[in-house]
Amino acid sequence: MIAAIKDPGSNTRGLLAYLYGRGTHDEHFDPHIVAAFAMLGMPDPGRDENATLTELGHYLDEPVWLRNSEFGKPVTDHVWHCPVRAAPEDRHLSDAEWGDIAQRIVAAAGIAPEGDDLACRWIAVRHADDHIHILATAVREDGRRPKLHNNGIRVGNECREIEKHYGLRQLKKGDGTGSLRPTQAEMHKAERLGWEQTSQQWLEDHIRAAIPHVTDAEELLTYLEAGGVAVRPRRGPSGDLLGYAAGRPGDVNEKGEQIYKAGGKIAPDLSLPKLQARLATGTTEEHPTARRTWPTTPWHQAADALDTLHAELIDATGGGGPGSDARAQAHVAALGELIEATAQHAPADLRAELRAASRAFRRAQRSQIRAEDRAADAVRIAARDIVHTATGPDGSALAALLAAMVWATILAQRWHKAKDHAHQADAARRTLHHLQAAADHALAPTLAELERRQPREAARRTLASDVRAAVPDHAERILADQNWPALAAILADAEAGGHKPYQLLKEAAEQRELGTARQPARVLITRIQHTSRNPAPNRRAEAARRCSTTWAPAAGSAVPPPRQPADPATAPGRDNHPRR
C-alpha cells in the first residue's frame, strides 16, 4: 500500500472537481465519501443529488476562512492531499475497510490525531476499486496549523502496519534515503513533450554519468554544461561554490523560464557536500618493492581494486571492527560508479544490461550510514581510468571485471541485509540479474575458445586431482559443471606459464566462496584467468624482496644491510657483452 502525500495546494474546490469528475481517461466511477472527520451532516455529491462541490468545499474550508479573517497574513497552502493505493494483487477492500484505513492515515500524519476534537477537517473519497483520496484542510478548528513535519515517514510506517492488519502485500519500510518519486504533473509533462523520462530522472542520469569523468565539483559543473545540462551554481562572496542546481533544456515554466532542481532534490547523494566528499579522492601509492602485475590495463586494475572491496564487505557483514560499516558504505557507493563507468565503455552488445544494472544499483549506493569515502579511492580511481582509456577491454579482462562485479554485488546485498537495509538489498538483487546476464554474455566467446582446445584425457585427470586436493568440498560440483573442460584448459595454460594449478585453485576459492555459485567452474575460470596473467612468482626474487623490506638496523647503528646474492648475469667484473 502506497500513500503519496502531494505538495500543499490552495484550491479545495478544484481538487474536489477532480475527485468527483470522470478522470482524465474516464477511469473514475461512483465517487463517494467513505470516511470523514464527521460523517453526520456531511454533504456528499456522490450520494446526495442536492449536495454540490461548492457546498462541500466551503464546509471543509470554514476553519481556513476564520483564521484568515483573524490574522493579517492569509493561509494559501492549506489543501493536504494524499492518494492511498493498494497493490494490484491485493484483495478488494470494502468501503468500511477503506474508511478505517483513512482514519489511521490522517491520525498518523497529524491531520486528525486520535481523540483530538479540534483537529483538521478531512474527507476520504473513493472513485475506484483500488484506491482512495484523502483531502484535508490544514488548519485546525482552533485556528492553529497541524504539525506535519515528517508526516510522510509516519504515514509510510502506518501503511506497513495496515498491510499486516489486512493481509495485504507488505512493502519494505523506508529509511529516508530514497529519491523523490516524480509527481503526476512531471510525468504528464514528460508525456506531453514526448520525453521518455521526467526531468528529474534525466538529470540524475546525466549527473551520475559525469561523476567518473571528473575530480572535483567545479569540474563536474563544467562537464555538465558542456554536455548540454543547464547549470546554476550558488556561490558565496568569496566565489566559493556553496551549492548548485541543474535543469533540463526545454523544461520551462509558464513564463518560459528554465526550471532548475537542486542537486539534493534530484537524488539525496547528489547534493554538493556529498559530491565533494566523494570526488576528493587521493592517489593510491604502490609499495616501491611490490611485484608489478602484467598487463596493467584499467580493466585489470579495476578487477584488482574490487579485491579490496570484497574483503571490506565480508569483514563488515561479519561484524567487523570500528569503522568497518563506514568503509563498506564507501565501497558500495564506489561500486555504483564503477558499474556506470563500465557501462559507458563496454562493447555495444553489453551496454543495455550494464546501464540497467547501473540504474538499479543507485538505490543500493546510499544508506543512513556515513561513508568513509577515502577508503574506496582505489575503486573510484579505477572507474576514472576506465572512462579515460582510449581502448576498449579485451574479452578476458572484461569477463574478469564483470565476474568481480557480480561477486561484489552479492556481497553488497548480504551487507545490506545484515544491516536491515531492505530497499538497498532489493536494489542489489535487481542489479545482480542484469550484471549476471552481462557477465554470461561476455564470457561466452572465451568459454567456446577454451573448450575447443581442452587438454587430453590424461592431463584432465591430473588436473581433476588438483581440483579435489585444492577445493575438496566443491570438487564434484566443479567436475560435473559443463564448463569443466574450459577450466581444465585455463589451468593447463597457467601451468605452461609456470603456475601451479593447485595453488591457483586454492587462492581463487578463498577469494570467492563457491557454495552459492550457480556454476562453480565458470567462477574459477574468470578468477584464474585474471590472476594467472601475471608471471609466475620467482621464489628467490620474492625472498630477496621480503628481506629488503623487513630488515632495518637499530637507531644510530652503522651496520650495513645484509648482502643480497649477486646475479651472475650482472655481477661486477663480468663481461655482459655478447661473445664476439
Protein backbone atom coordinates (compact mmCIF):
# COMPACT_ATOMS: atom_id res chain seq x y z
CA MET A 1 0.00 0.00 0.00
CA ILE A 2 1.39 3.36 -1.06
CA ALA A 3 0.33 6.71 0.38
CA ALA A 4 1.77 9.52 -1.73
CA ILE A 5 1.40 12.89 0.00
CA LYS A 6 1.27 15.67 -2.60
CA ASP A 7 2.64 19.19 -2.38
CA PRO A 8 0.32 21.56 -0.48
CA GLY A 9 -2.32 23.28 -2.60
CA SER A 10 -4.71 26.20 -2.26
CA ASN A 11 -7.80 25.23 -4.28
CA THR A 12 -10.11 22.90 -2.35
CA ARG A 13 -12.93 23.24 -4.87
CA GLY A 14 -10.61 22.42 -7.78
CA LEU A 15 -9.37 19.21 -6.17
CA LEU A 16 -12.96 18.15 -5.38
CA ALA A 17 -13.83 18.65 -9.06
CA TYR A 18 -11.10 16.15 -9.98
CA LEU A 19 -12.10 13.61 -7.31
CA TYR A 20 -15.77 13.67 -8.31
CA GLY A 21 -15.09 14.06 -12.03
CA ARG A 22 -14.74 11.41 -14.73
CA GLY A 23 -10.95 11.41 -14.66
CA THR A 24 -8.52 12.10 -17.49
CA HIS A 25 -9.38 8.77 -19.18
CA ASP A 26 -12.91 8.18 -17.82
CA GLU A 27 -11.42 5.93 -15.14
CA HIS A 28 -13.43 7.33 -12.21
CA PHE A 29 -16.74 5.66 -11.31
CA ASP A 30 -19.16 6.02 -8.42
CA PRO A 31 -17.21 8.69 -6.47
CA HIS A 32 -18.37 8.91 -2.85
CA ILE A 33 -17.11 9.61 0.67
CA VAL A 34 -16.07 6.55 2.69
CA ALA A 35 -14.84 8.41 5.79
CA ALA A 36 -14.65 11.95 7.10
CA PHE A 37 -13.95 14.00 10.22
CA ALA A 38 -17.72 13.97 10.87
CA MET A 39 -20.00 11.88 8.67
CA LEU A 40 -23.21 13.27 10.18
CA GLY A 41 -24.42 16.17 8.05
CA MET A 42 -21.51 15.86 5.58
CA PRO A 43 -22.62 16.94 2.07
CA ASP A 44 -21.64 14.17 -0.36
CA PRO A 45 -22.29 14.99 -4.05
CA GLY A 46 -21.75 11.32 -4.86
CA ARG A 47 -24.68 10.18 -2.70
CA ASP A 48 -26.87 13.27 -2.35
CA GLU A 49 -28.12 14.80 -5.60
CA ASN A 50 -28.79 18.08 -3.81
CA ALA A 51 -25.25 18.43 -2.47
CA THR A 52 -22.76 20.42 -4.55
CA LEU A 53 -18.99 20.52 -4.77
CA THR A 54 -19.02 24.19 -3.84
CA GLU A 55 -21.01 23.44 -0.69
CA LEU A 56 -18.61 20.65 0.28
CA GLY A 57 -15.61 22.87 -0.40
CA HIS A 58 -17.00 25.66 1.76
CA TYR A 59 -17.72 23.20 4.55
CA LEU A 60 -14.11 21.97 4.55
CA ASP A 61 -12.63 25.47 4.25
CA GLU A 62 -14.51 27.10 7.15
CA PRO A 63 -11.57 26.94 9.63
CA VAL A 64 -9.31 28.47 6.97
CA TRP A 65 -11.65 31.43 6.44
CA LEU A 66 -11.96 32.01 10.18
CA ARG A 67 -8.17 32.03 10.60
CA ASN A 68 -7.67 34.32 7.63
CA SER A 69 -10.22 36.78 8.99
CA GLU A 70 -8.41 36.95 12.34
CA PHE A 71 -4.82 37.12 11.12
CA GLY A 72 -3.34 39.56 8.64
CA LYS A 73 -1.41 37.03 6.56
CA PRO A 74 -3.80 34.59 4.84
CA VAL A 75 -3.13 30.86 4.62
CA THR A 76 -2.69 29.81 0.97
CA ASP A 77 -1.19 26.30 1.28
CA HIS A 78 -4.00 24.67 3.23
CA VAL A 79 -5.00 21.77 0.92
CA TRP A 80 -3.44 18.49 2.10
CA HIS A 81 -3.91 15.72 -0.49
CA CYS A 82 -2.89 12.08 -0.07
CA PRO A 83 -3.87 9.32 -2.53
CA VAL A 84 -3.71 5.84 -0.95
CA ARG A 85 -3.41 2.90 -3.35
CA ALA A 86 -3.42 -0.87 -2.78
CA ALA A 87 -1.15 -3.20 -4.74
CA PRO A 88 -2.61 -4.75 -7.93
CA GLU A 89 -2.53 -8.22 -6.40
CA ASP A 90 -4.28 -7.17 -3.17
CA ARG A 91 -7.86 -8.27 -2.49
CA HIS A 92 -10.84 -5.98 -2.96
CA LEU A 93 -11.32 -3.77 0.09
CA SER A 94 -14.77 -2.68 1.24
CA ASP A 95 -15.83 0.90 1.90
CA ALA A 96 -15.69 0.22 5.63
CA GLU A 97 -12.12 -1.08 5.35
CA TRP A 98 -11.05 1.90 3.26
CA GLY A 99 -12.71 4.16 5.82
CA ASP A 100 -10.70 2.60 8.65
CA ILE A 101 -7.50 2.93 6.60
CA ALA A 102 -8.21 6.63 6.03
CA GLN A 103 -8.78 7.18 9.77
CA ARG A 104 -5.43 5.57 10.59
CA ILE A 105 -3.54 7.59 7.97
CA VAL A 106 -4.86 11.03 9.00
CA ALA A 107 -4.08 10.15 12.62
CA ALA A 108 -0.52 9.12 11.75
CA ALA A 109 0.02 12.22 9.60
CA GLY A 110 -1.06 14.61 12.35
CA ILE A 111 -4.11 15.84 10.43
CA ALA A 112 -6.54 14.32 12.92
CA PRO A 113 -4.79 12.66 15.89
CA GLU A 114 -6.96 10.14 17.69
CA GLY A 115 -9.11 11.77 20.37
CA ASP A 116 -8.43 15.33 19.17
CA ASP A 117 -11.82 17.12 18.82
CA LEU A 118 -10.20 20.27 17.39
CA ALA A 119 -8.31 18.57 14.58
CA CYS A 120 -8.43 19.43 10.87
CA ARG A 121 -11.41 18.75 8.65
CA TRP A 122 -10.93 15.97 6.14
CA ILE A 123 -12.72 13.53 3.83
CA ALA A 124 -11.74 10.30 2.05
CA VAL A 125 -13.22 9.89 -1.45
CA ARG A 126 -13.33 6.57 -3.28
CA HIS A 127 -13.78 6.60 -7.05
CA ALA A 128 -12.06 3.30 -7.95
CA ASP A 129 -11.70 -0.21 -6.54
CA ASP A 130 -8.01 0.02 -5.64
CA HIS A 131 -7.52 3.46 -4.09
CA ILE A 132 -8.92 6.43 -2.20
CA HIS A 133 -8.02 10.11 -1.98
CA ILE A 134 -7.78 11.88 1.37
CA LEU A 135 -8.37 15.64 1.22
CA ALA A 136 -7.86 17.79 4.31
CA THR A 137 -7.72 21.50 5.04
CA ALA A 138 -4.57 22.02 7.07
CA VAL A 139 -6.00 24.48 9.60
CA ARG A 140 -7.38 23.12 12.87
CA GLU A 141 -10.72 24.10 14.40
CA ASP A 142 -8.83 26.20 16.95
CA GLY A 143 -7.06 28.13 14.17
CA ARG A 144 -3.65 26.55 14.65
CA ARG A 145 -1.74 24.73 11.93
CA PRO A 146 -1.24 20.96 12.36
CA LYS A 147 2.22 19.53 13.00
CA LEU A 148 3.00 17.87 9.68
CA HIS A 149 6.81 17.70 9.85
CA ASN A 150 7.95 14.24 8.65
CA ASN A 151 4.32 13.24 8.09
CA GLY A 152 5.40 11.22 5.05
CA ILE A 153 7.59 8.98 7.22
CA ARG A 154 4.86 8.47 9.80
CA VAL A 155 2.26 7.70 7.14
CA GLY A 156 4.63 5.24 5.45
CA ASN A 157 5.20 3.43 8.74
CA GLU A 158 1.46 3.25 9.33
CA CYS A 159 0.94 1.78 5.85
CA ARG A 160 3.30 -1.07 6.77
CA GLU A 161 1.11 -1.79 9.83
CA ILE A 162 -2.07 -1.59 7.74
CA GLU A 163 -0.64 -4.14 5.31
CA LYS A 164 -0.06 -6.58 8.16
CA HIS A 165 -3.50 -5.95 9.68
CA TYR A 166 -5.42 -6.53 6.42
CA GLY A 167 -3.17 -9.22 4.96
CA LEU A 168 -2.07 -7.09 2.01
CA ARG A 169 1.20 -7.16 0.10
CA GLN A 170 3.89 -6.00 2.51
CA LEU A 171 6.25 -3.38 1.17
CA LYS A 172 9.64 -2.62 2.67
CA LYS A 173 9.97 0.10 5.27
CA GLY A 174 11.67 3.27 4.04
CA ASP A 175 14.72 4.85 5.68
CA GLY A 176 14.54 8.36 4.27
CA THR A 177 17.34 7.87 1.72
CA GLY A 178 15.22 7.17 -1.35
CA SER A 179 14.80 9.59 -4.25
CA LEU A 180 11.63 11.62 -4.57
CA ARG A 181 9.09 10.00 -6.86
CA PRO A 182 8.13 12.04 -9.92
CA THR A 183 4.86 13.89 -9.43
CA GLN A 184 1.83 13.34 -11.66
CA ALA A 185 2.43 16.79 -13.16
CA GLU A 186 6.03 15.89 -14.03
CA MET A 187 5.01 12.60 -15.64
CA HIS A 188 2.22 14.26 -17.63
CA LYS A 189 4.62 16.97 -18.77
CA ALA A 190 7.16 14.40 -19.98
CA GLU A 191 4.42 12.55 -21.85
CA ARG A 192 3.15 15.77 -23.41
CA LEU A 193 6.66 16.73 -24.60
CA GLY A 194 7.43 13.24 -25.88
CA TRP A 195 10.15 12.56 -23.32
CA GLU A 196 10.83 9.02 -22.15
CA GLN A 197 12.00 10.29 -18.73
CA THR A 198 10.90 13.04 -16.40
CA SER A 199 13.33 15.92 -15.96
CA GLN A 200 14.42 14.60 -12.57
CA GLN A 201 15.26 11.17 -13.99
CA TRP A 202 17.05 12.71 -16.99
CA LEU A 203 19.15 14.95 -14.76
CA GLU A 204 20.06 12.09 -12.43
CA ASP A 205 21.24 10.01 -15.40
CA HIS A 206 23.43 12.82 -16.71
CA ILE A 207 24.98 13.75 -13.35
CA ARG A 208 25.81 10.14 -12.45
CA ALA A 209 27.26 9.55 -15.92
CA ALA A 210 29.52 12.60 -15.42
CA ILE A 211 30.89 11.65 -11.98
CA PRO A 212 33.56 9.14 -13.18
CA HIS A 213 34.90 11.77 -15.62
CA VAL A 214 35.73 14.50 -13.09
CA THR A 215 37.85 15.06 -9.99
CA ASP A 216 36.06 17.95 -8.24
CA ALA A 217 32.74 19.77 -8.11
CA GLU A 218 33.81 22.69 -10.31
CA GLU A 219 34.93 20.29 -12.99
CA LEU A 220 31.62 18.43 -12.67
CA LEU A 221 29.59 21.58 -13.35
CA THR A 222 31.77 22.43 -16.34
CA TYR A 223 31.38 18.90 -17.70
CA LEU A 224 27.60 19.04 -17.29
CA GLU A 225 27.36 22.38 -19.09
CA ALA A 226 29.45 21.03 -21.96
CA GLY A 227 27.04 18.10 -22.15
CA GLY A 228 24.00 20.34 -22.60
CA VAL A 229 22.76 20.46 -19.00
CA ALA A 230 21.67 23.86 -17.70
CA VAL A 231 23.65 24.60 -14.52
CA ARG A 232 23.10 27.34 -11.94
CA PRO A 233 25.87 27.45 -9.31
CA ARG A 234 25.38 29.18 -5.96
CA ARG A 235 28.47 30.98 -4.73
CA GLY A 236 29.48 32.91 -1.62
CA PRO A 237 31.00 36.40 -1.57
CA SER A 238 34.46 34.85 -1.90
CA GLY A 239 33.43 32.97 -5.03
CA ASP A 240 33.45 29.60 -3.28
CA LEU A 241 30.90 27.12 -4.56
CA LEU A 242 28.12 26.69 -1.98
CA GLY A 243 25.58 24.70 -3.97
CA TYR A 244 24.21 24.05 -7.42
CA ALA A 245 21.01 23.41 -9.33
CA ALA A 246 20.59 21.74 -12.71
CA GLY A 247 17.94 21.95 -15.38
CA ARG A 248 16.92 20.05 -18.46
CA PRO A 249 16.87 22.05 -21.71
CA GLY A 250 13.27 22.64 -22.74
CA ASP A 251 11.89 22.21 -19.23
CA VAL A 252 10.41 25.68 -18.65
CA ASN A 253 7.62 27.17 -16.56
CA GLU A 254 4.56 29.06 -17.80
CA LYS A 255 6.70 32.21 -18.20
CA GLY A 256 9.18 30.39 -20.43
CA GLU A 257 11.88 30.39 -17.72
CA GLN A 258 14.25 27.46 -17.23
CA ILE A 259 13.25 25.18 -14.34
CA TYR A 260 16.13 24.16 -12.07
CA LYS A 261 16.32 21.44 -9.43
CA ALA A 262 18.79 21.47 -6.56
CA GLY A 263 21.22 18.54 -6.62
CA GLY A 264 19.93 17.13 -3.33
CA LYS A 265 16.38 17.16 -4.73
CA ILE A 266 17.44 15.21 -7.80
CA ALA A 267 18.83 12.46 -5.54
CA PRO A 268 19.92 12.55 -1.88
CA ASP A 269 23.54 11.64 -2.67
CA LEU A 270 23.89 14.28 -5.41
CA SER A 271 23.95 17.29 -3.09
CA LEU A 272 27.10 19.41 -3.33
CA PRO A 273 28.62 18.40 0.06
CA LYS A 274 28.20 14.69 -0.68
CA LEU A 275 29.60 15.05 -4.19
CA GLN A 276 32.60 17.00 -2.89
CA ALA A 277 33.34 14.29 -0.33
CA ARG A 278 33.22 11.56 -2.97
CA LEU A 279 35.15 13.39 -5.68
CA ALA A 280 38.08 14.44 -3.48
CA THR A 281 39.91 11.17 -3.97
CA GLY A 282 43.54 10.75 -3.06
CA THR A 283 46.08 8.85 -5.11
CA THR A 284 46.87 5.23 -4.39
CA GLU A 285 50.56 4.63 -3.80
CA GLU A 286 52.24 1.39 -4.73
CA HIS A 287 54.90 0.00 -2.41
CA PRO A 288 58.29 0.58 -4.12
CA THR A 289 59.21 -3.09 -3.90
CA ALA A 290 55.81 -4.52 -4.79
CA ARG A 291 55.84 -7.03 -7.62
CA ARG A 292 54.05 -5.44 -10.57
CA THR A 293 51.31 -7.27 -12.43
CA TRP A 294 51.14 -7.53 -16.18
CA PRO A 295 49.38 -6.30 -18.21
CA THR A 296 48.15 -3.35 -16.14
CA THR A 297 45.17 -2.14 -18.18
CA PRO A 298 42.43 -0.11 -16.45
CA TRP A 299 40.12 -3.12 -16.71
CA HIS A 300 42.57 -5.37 -14.87
CA GLN A 301 43.25 -2.63 -12.31
CA ALA A 302 39.53 -2.30 -11.64
CA ALA A 303 39.25 -6.04 -11.01
CA ASP A 304 42.23 -5.81 -8.64
CA ALA A 305 40.62 -2.87 -6.79
CA LEU A 306 37.47 -4.94 -6.26
CA ASP A 307 39.51 -7.49 -4.29
CA THR A 308 39.82 -4.92 -1.51
CA LEU A 309 36.13 -4.14 -1.79
CA HIS A 310 35.30 -7.84 -1.41
CA ALA A 311 37.41 -8.09 1.74
CA GLU A 312 35.88 -4.96 3.28
CA LEU A 313 32.30 -6.11 2.67
CA ILE A 314 32.97 -9.59 4.02
CA ASP A 315 34.54 -8.08 7.14
CA ALA A 316 31.67 -5.62 7.70
CA THR A 317 28.99 -8.28 7.15
CA GLY A 318 30.65 -10.48 9.75
CA GLY A 319 30.61 -7.77 12.40
CA GLY A 320 33.93 -6.13 11.59
CA GLY A 321 35.70 -3.66 13.79
CA PRO A 322 35.25 0.07 14.41
CA GLY A 323 34.61 1.90 11.15
CA SER A 324 34.01 -1.26 9.11
CA ASP A 325 30.48 -0.20 8.15
CA ALA A 326 31.66 3.28 7.11
CA ARG A 327 34.27 1.71 4.85
CA ALA A 328 31.74 -0.77 3.48
CA GLN A 329 29.31 2.06 2.65
CA ALA A 330 32.09 3.90 0.82
CA HIS A 331 32.91 0.83 -1.24
CA VAL A 332 29.27 0.17 -2.12
CA ALA A 333 28.88 3.77 -3.36
CA ALA A 334 32.11 3.47 -5.38
CA LEU A 335 30.92 0.18 -6.87
CA GLY A 336 27.97 2.05 -8.39
CA GLU A 337 30.38 4.50 -10.04
CA LEU A 338 32.46 1.63 -11.41
CA ILE A 339 29.37 -0.06 -12.88
CA GLU A 340 28.43 3.26 -14.55
CA ALA A 341 31.93 3.73 -15.96
CA THR A 342 31.98 0.17 -17.30
CA ALA A 343 28.56 0.65 -18.92
CA GLN A 344 29.88 3.68 -20.82
CA HIS A 345 32.90 1.92 -22.32
CA ALA A 346 31.76 -1.70 -22.63
CA PRO A 347 31.09 -3.22 -26.08
CA ALA A 348 27.78 -2.14 -27.59
CA ASP A 349 26.12 -5.53 -27.11
CA LEU A 350 26.59 -5.29 -23.31
CA ARG A 351 25.65 -1.66 -22.70
CA ALA A 352 21.90 -2.13 -22.31
CA GLU A 353 22.31 -4.66 -19.48
CA LEU A 354 25.05 -2.67 -17.80
CA ARG A 355 23.10 0.59 -17.97
CA ALA A 356 20.12 -1.20 -16.46
CA ALA A 357 22.44 -2.52 -13.73
CA SER A 358 23.76 0.98 -13.07
CA ARG A 359 20.23 2.40 -12.68
CA ALA A 360 19.10 -0.47 -10.48
CA PHE A 361 22.11 -0.13 -8.17
CA ARG A 362 21.53 3.57 -7.41
CA ARG A 363 19.21 2.77 -4.53
CA ALA A 364 21.82 0.38 -3.10
CA GLN A 365 24.53 3.08 -3.16
CA ARG A 366 23.15 5.11 -0.26
CA SER A 367 22.04 4.36 3.27
CA GLN A 368 21.95 6.19 6.59
CA ILE A 369 25.50 5.00 7.36
CA ARG A 370 28.01 7.81 6.84
CA ALA A 371 30.66 6.69 4.37
CA GLU A 372 34.41 6.95 4.91
CA ASP A 373 34.88 7.95 1.28
CA ARG A 374 38.68 7.78 1.19
CA ALA A 375 38.53 4.03 1.91
CA ALA A 376 37.22 3.44 -1.64
CA ASP A 377 39.62 5.70 -3.54
CA ALA A 378 41.17 2.76 -5.43
CA VAL A 379 37.78 1.75 -6.88
CA ARG A 380 36.93 5.34 -7.85
CA ILE A 381 40.31 5.89 -9.50
CA ALA A 382 39.80 2.66 -11.44
CA ALA A 383 36.43 3.95 -12.65
CA ARG A 384 38.06 7.20 -13.84
CA ASP A 385 40.81 5.30 -15.61
CA ILE A 386 38.22 3.25 -17.48
CA VAL A 387 36.30 6.27 -18.81
CA HIS A 388 39.56 7.98 -19.84
CA THR A 389 41.13 4.98 -21.58
CA ALA A 390 41.27 5.18 -25.36
CA THR A 391 40.94 1.44 -25.93
CA GLY A 392 38.22 -0.99 -25.02
CA PRO A 393 38.74 -4.14 -22.98
CA ASP A 394 39.81 -7.47 -24.34
CA GLY A 395 37.34 -10.29 -23.75
CA SER A 396 39.10 -11.92 -20.82
CA ALA A 397 39.70 -8.63 -18.96
CA LEU A 398 36.06 -7.59 -19.28
CA ALA A 399 34.81 -11.04 -18.27
CA ALA A 400 37.05 -10.97 -15.17
CA LEU A 401 35.84 -7.49 -14.23
CA LEU A 402 32.17 -8.36 -14.66
CA ALA A 403 32.61 -11.55 -12.63
CA ALA A 404 34.24 -9.48 -9.87
CA MET A 405 31.31 -7.04 -10.05
CA VAL A 406 28.83 -9.89 -9.70
CA TRP A 407 30.58 -11.10 -6.56
CA ALA A 408 30.81 -7.52 -5.22
CA THR A 409 27.06 -7.06 -5.74
CA ILE A 410 26.31 -10.33 -3.95
CA LEU A 411 28.43 -9.14 -1.02
CA ALA A 412 26.74 -5.71 -1.07
CA GLN A 413 23.35 -7.41 -0.92
CA ARG A 414 24.46 -9.52 2.06
CA TRP A 415 25.84 -6.48 3.88
CA HIS A 416 22.63 -4.53 3.32
CA LYS A 417 20.57 -7.48 4.58
CA ALA A 418 22.75 -7.74 7.69
CA LYS A 419 22.08 -4.04 8.37
CA ASP A 420 18.32 -4.34 7.68
CA HIS A 421 18.57 -2.11 4.61
CA ALA A 422 15.60 -3.70 2.87
CA HIS A 423 15.31 -1.35 -0.11
CA GLN A 424 19.04 -1.37 -0.73
CA ALA A 425 19.24 -5.18 -0.57
CA ASP A 426 16.38 -5.41 -3.06
CA ALA A 427 18.15 -2.95 -5.39
CA ALA A 428 21.31 -5.08 -5.22
CA ARG A 429 19.24 -8.16 -6.04
CA ARG A 430 17.80 -6.48 -9.14
CA THR A 431 21.26 -5.27 -10.15
CA LEU A 432 22.61 -8.79 -9.89
CA HIS A 433 20.15 -10.01 -12.52
CA HIS A 434 21.50 -7.54 -15.10
CA LEU A 435 25.16 -7.98 -14.19
CA GLN A 436 24.94 -11.75 -14.35
CA ALA A 437 23.38 -11.57 -17.83
CA ALA A 438 26.17 -9.25 -19.00
CA ALA A 439 28.87 -11.44 -17.41
CA ASP A 440 27.50 -14.58 -19.06
CA HIS A 441 27.41 -12.86 -22.45
CA ALA A 442 30.95 -11.51 -22.08
CA LEU A 443 32.39 -14.88 -21.08
CA ALA A 444 30.69 -16.94 -23.83
CA PRO A 445 33.39 -16.43 -26.55
CA THR A 446 36.17 -17.24 -24.07
CA LEU A 447 34.43 -20.44 -22.98
CA ALA A 448 33.90 -21.55 -26.58
CA GLU A 449 37.57 -20.96 -27.42
CA LEU A 450 38.80 -22.78 -24.29
CA GLU A 451 36.57 -25.79 -24.88
CA ARG A 452 37.93 -26.15 -28.43
CA ARG A 453 41.44 -26.71 -27.07
CA GLN A 454 40.77 -28.61 -23.86
CA PRO A 455 43.69 -30.81 -22.74
CA ARG A 456 43.84 -34.52 -23.34
CA GLU A 457 42.21 -37.03 -21.05
CA ALA A 458 45.37 -37.84 -19.10
CA ALA A 459 46.05 -34.17 -18.42
CA ARG A 460 42.43 -33.63 -17.38
CA ARG A 461 42.69 -36.49 -14.87
CA THR A 462 45.78 -34.89 -13.34
CA LEU A 463 44.07 -31.50 -13.15
CA ALA A 464 41.00 -33.13 -11.62
CA SER A 465 43.26 -34.44 -8.85
CA ASP A 466 44.41 -30.84 -8.25
CA VAL A 467 40.75 -29.75 -8.00
CA ARG A 468 39.97 -32.46 -5.43
CA ALA A 469 43.02 -31.52 -3.38
CA ALA A 470 42.53 -27.72 -3.54
CA VAL A 471 38.74 -27.48 -3.10
CA PRO A 472 37.57 -30.86 -1.74
CA ASP A 473 34.16 -29.56 -0.58
CA HIS A 474 33.19 -28.42 -4.08
CA ALA A 475 35.25 -30.73 -6.28
CA GLU A 476 32.39 -32.91 -7.50
CA ARG A 477 30.24 -29.91 -8.45
CA ILE A 478 33.17 -28.38 -10.33
CA LEU A 479 33.98 -31.57 -12.21
CA ALA A 480 30.29 -32.10 -13.08
CA ASP A 481 29.94 -28.49 -14.33
CA GLN A 482 29.52 -28.21 -18.10
CA ASN A 483 32.38 -25.69 -18.09
CA TRP A 484 34.91 -28.11 -16.54
CA PRO A 485 36.67 -28.71 -19.92
CA ALA A 486 37.19 -24.95 -20.28
CA LEU A 487 38.51 -24.73 -16.70
CA ALA A 488 40.91 -27.58 -17.46
CA ALA A 489 42.16 -25.65 -20.49
CA ILE A 490 42.81 -22.47 -18.48
CA LEU A 491 44.61 -24.48 -15.80
CA ALA A 492 46.77 -26.15 -18.44
CA ASP A 493 47.63 -22.72 -19.89
CA ALA A 494 48.56 -21.43 -16.44
CA GLU A 495 50.71 -24.47 -15.75
CA ALA A 496 52.53 -23.95 -19.03
CA GLY A 497 53.24 -20.38 -17.85
CA GLY A 498 54.90 -21.64 -14.68
CA HIS A 499 51.94 -21.51 -12.29
CA LYS A 500 50.80 -24.36 -10.07
CA PRO A 501 47.16 -25.32 -10.73
CA TYR A 502 46.65 -26.41 -7.13
CA GLN A 503 47.75 -23.03 -5.78
CA LEU A 504 45.67 -21.08 -8.32
CA LEU A 505 42.55 -23.11 -7.44
CA LYS A 506 43.07 -22.67 -3.73
CA GLU A 507 43.57 -18.89 -3.99
CA ALA A 508 40.58 -18.47 -6.28
CA ALA A 509 38.31 -20.43 -3.93
CA GLU A 510 39.48 -18.35 -0.96
CA GLN A 511 38.65 -15.09 -2.74
CA ARG A 512 35.20 -16.13 -3.95
CA GLU A 513 33.26 -18.74 -1.94
CA LEU A 514 31.71 -21.35 -4.21
CA GLY A 515 28.78 -22.55 -2.13
CA THR A 516 26.34 -20.07 -3.69
CA ALA A 517 27.82 -20.12 -7.20
CA ARG A 518 25.45 -21.39 -9.89
CA GLN A 519 28.36 -22.68 -11.98
CA PRO A 520 31.50 -23.00 -9.84
CA ALA A 521 33.75 -23.89 -12.76
CA ARG A 522 32.79 -20.68 -14.54
CA VAL A 523 33.55 -18.64 -11.42
CA LEU A 524 37.01 -20.21 -11.19
CA ILE A 525 37.72 -19.62 -14.89
CA THR A 526 37.34 -15.85 -14.68
CA ARG A 527 39.29 -15.63 -11.44
CA ILE A 528 42.16 -17.84 -12.57
CA GLN A 529 42.34 -16.19 -15.99
CA HIS A 530 42.72 -12.83 -14.22
CA THR A 531 45.39 -13.87 -11.71
CA SER A 532 47.39 -16.17 -14.00
CA ARG A 533 48.07 -13.31 -16.43
CA ASN A 534 50.89 -12.31 -14.05
CA PRO A 535 54.27 -14.03 -14.40
CA ALA A 536 54.73 -16.98 -12.07
CA PRO A 537 56.43 -15.83 -8.85
CA ASN A 538 60.19 -16.29 -8.62
CA ARG A 539 60.87 -17.69 -5.14
CA ARG A 540 64.42 -16.34 -4.94
CA ALA A 541 63.34 -12.84 -6.02
CA GLU A 542 60.41 -12.86 -3.59
CA ALA A 543 62.73 -13.89 -0.72
CA ALA A 544 65.12 -11.08 -1.58
CA ARG A 545 62.25 -8.57 -1.73
CA ARG A 546 60.91 -9.64 1.68
CA CYS A 547 64.39 -9.44 3.16
CA SER A 548 64.93 -5.91 1.83
CA THR A 549 61.58 -4.68 3.17
CA THR A 550 61.71 -6.31 6.61
CA TRP A 551 65.39 -5.64 7.58
CA ALA A 552 66.02 -2.42 9.50
CA PRO A 553 69.15 -1.52 11.59
CA ALA A 554 68.86 -0.23 15.14
CA ALA A 555 68.78 3.54 15.57
CA GLY A 556 72.26 5.00 15.13
CA SER A 557 73.70 1.68 14.00
CA ALA A 558 76.33 1.68 11.28
CA VAL A 559 75.77 -1.96 10.44
CA PRO A 560 75.26 -2.28 6.69
CA PRO A 561 72.25 -4.20 5.35
CA PRO A 562 72.70 -7.88 4.56
CA ARG A 563 74.19 -8.54 1.17
CA GLN A 564 71.89 -9.95 -1.47
CA PRO A 565 73.02 -12.82 -3.64
CA ALA A 566 74.59 -11.42 -6.75
CA ASP A 567 73.02 -12.17 -10.08
CA PRO A 568 75.72 -13.85 -12.16
CA ALA A 569 74.40 -12.07 -15.23
CA THR A 570 75.08 -8.62 -13.74
CA ALA A 571 77.89 -9.28 -11.24
CA PRO A 572 80.70 -6.66 -11.23
CA GLY A 573 83.59 -7.56 -13.45
CA ARG A 574 81.53 -9.95 -15.57
CA ASP A 575 81.65 -9.34 -19.28
CA ASN A 576 77.99 -8.89 -20.19
CA HIS A 577 78.61 -8.25 -23.84
CA PRO A 578 77.78 -10.98 -26.33
CA ARG A 579 80.67 -13.15 -27.29
CA ARG A 580 82.38 -11.77 -30.39
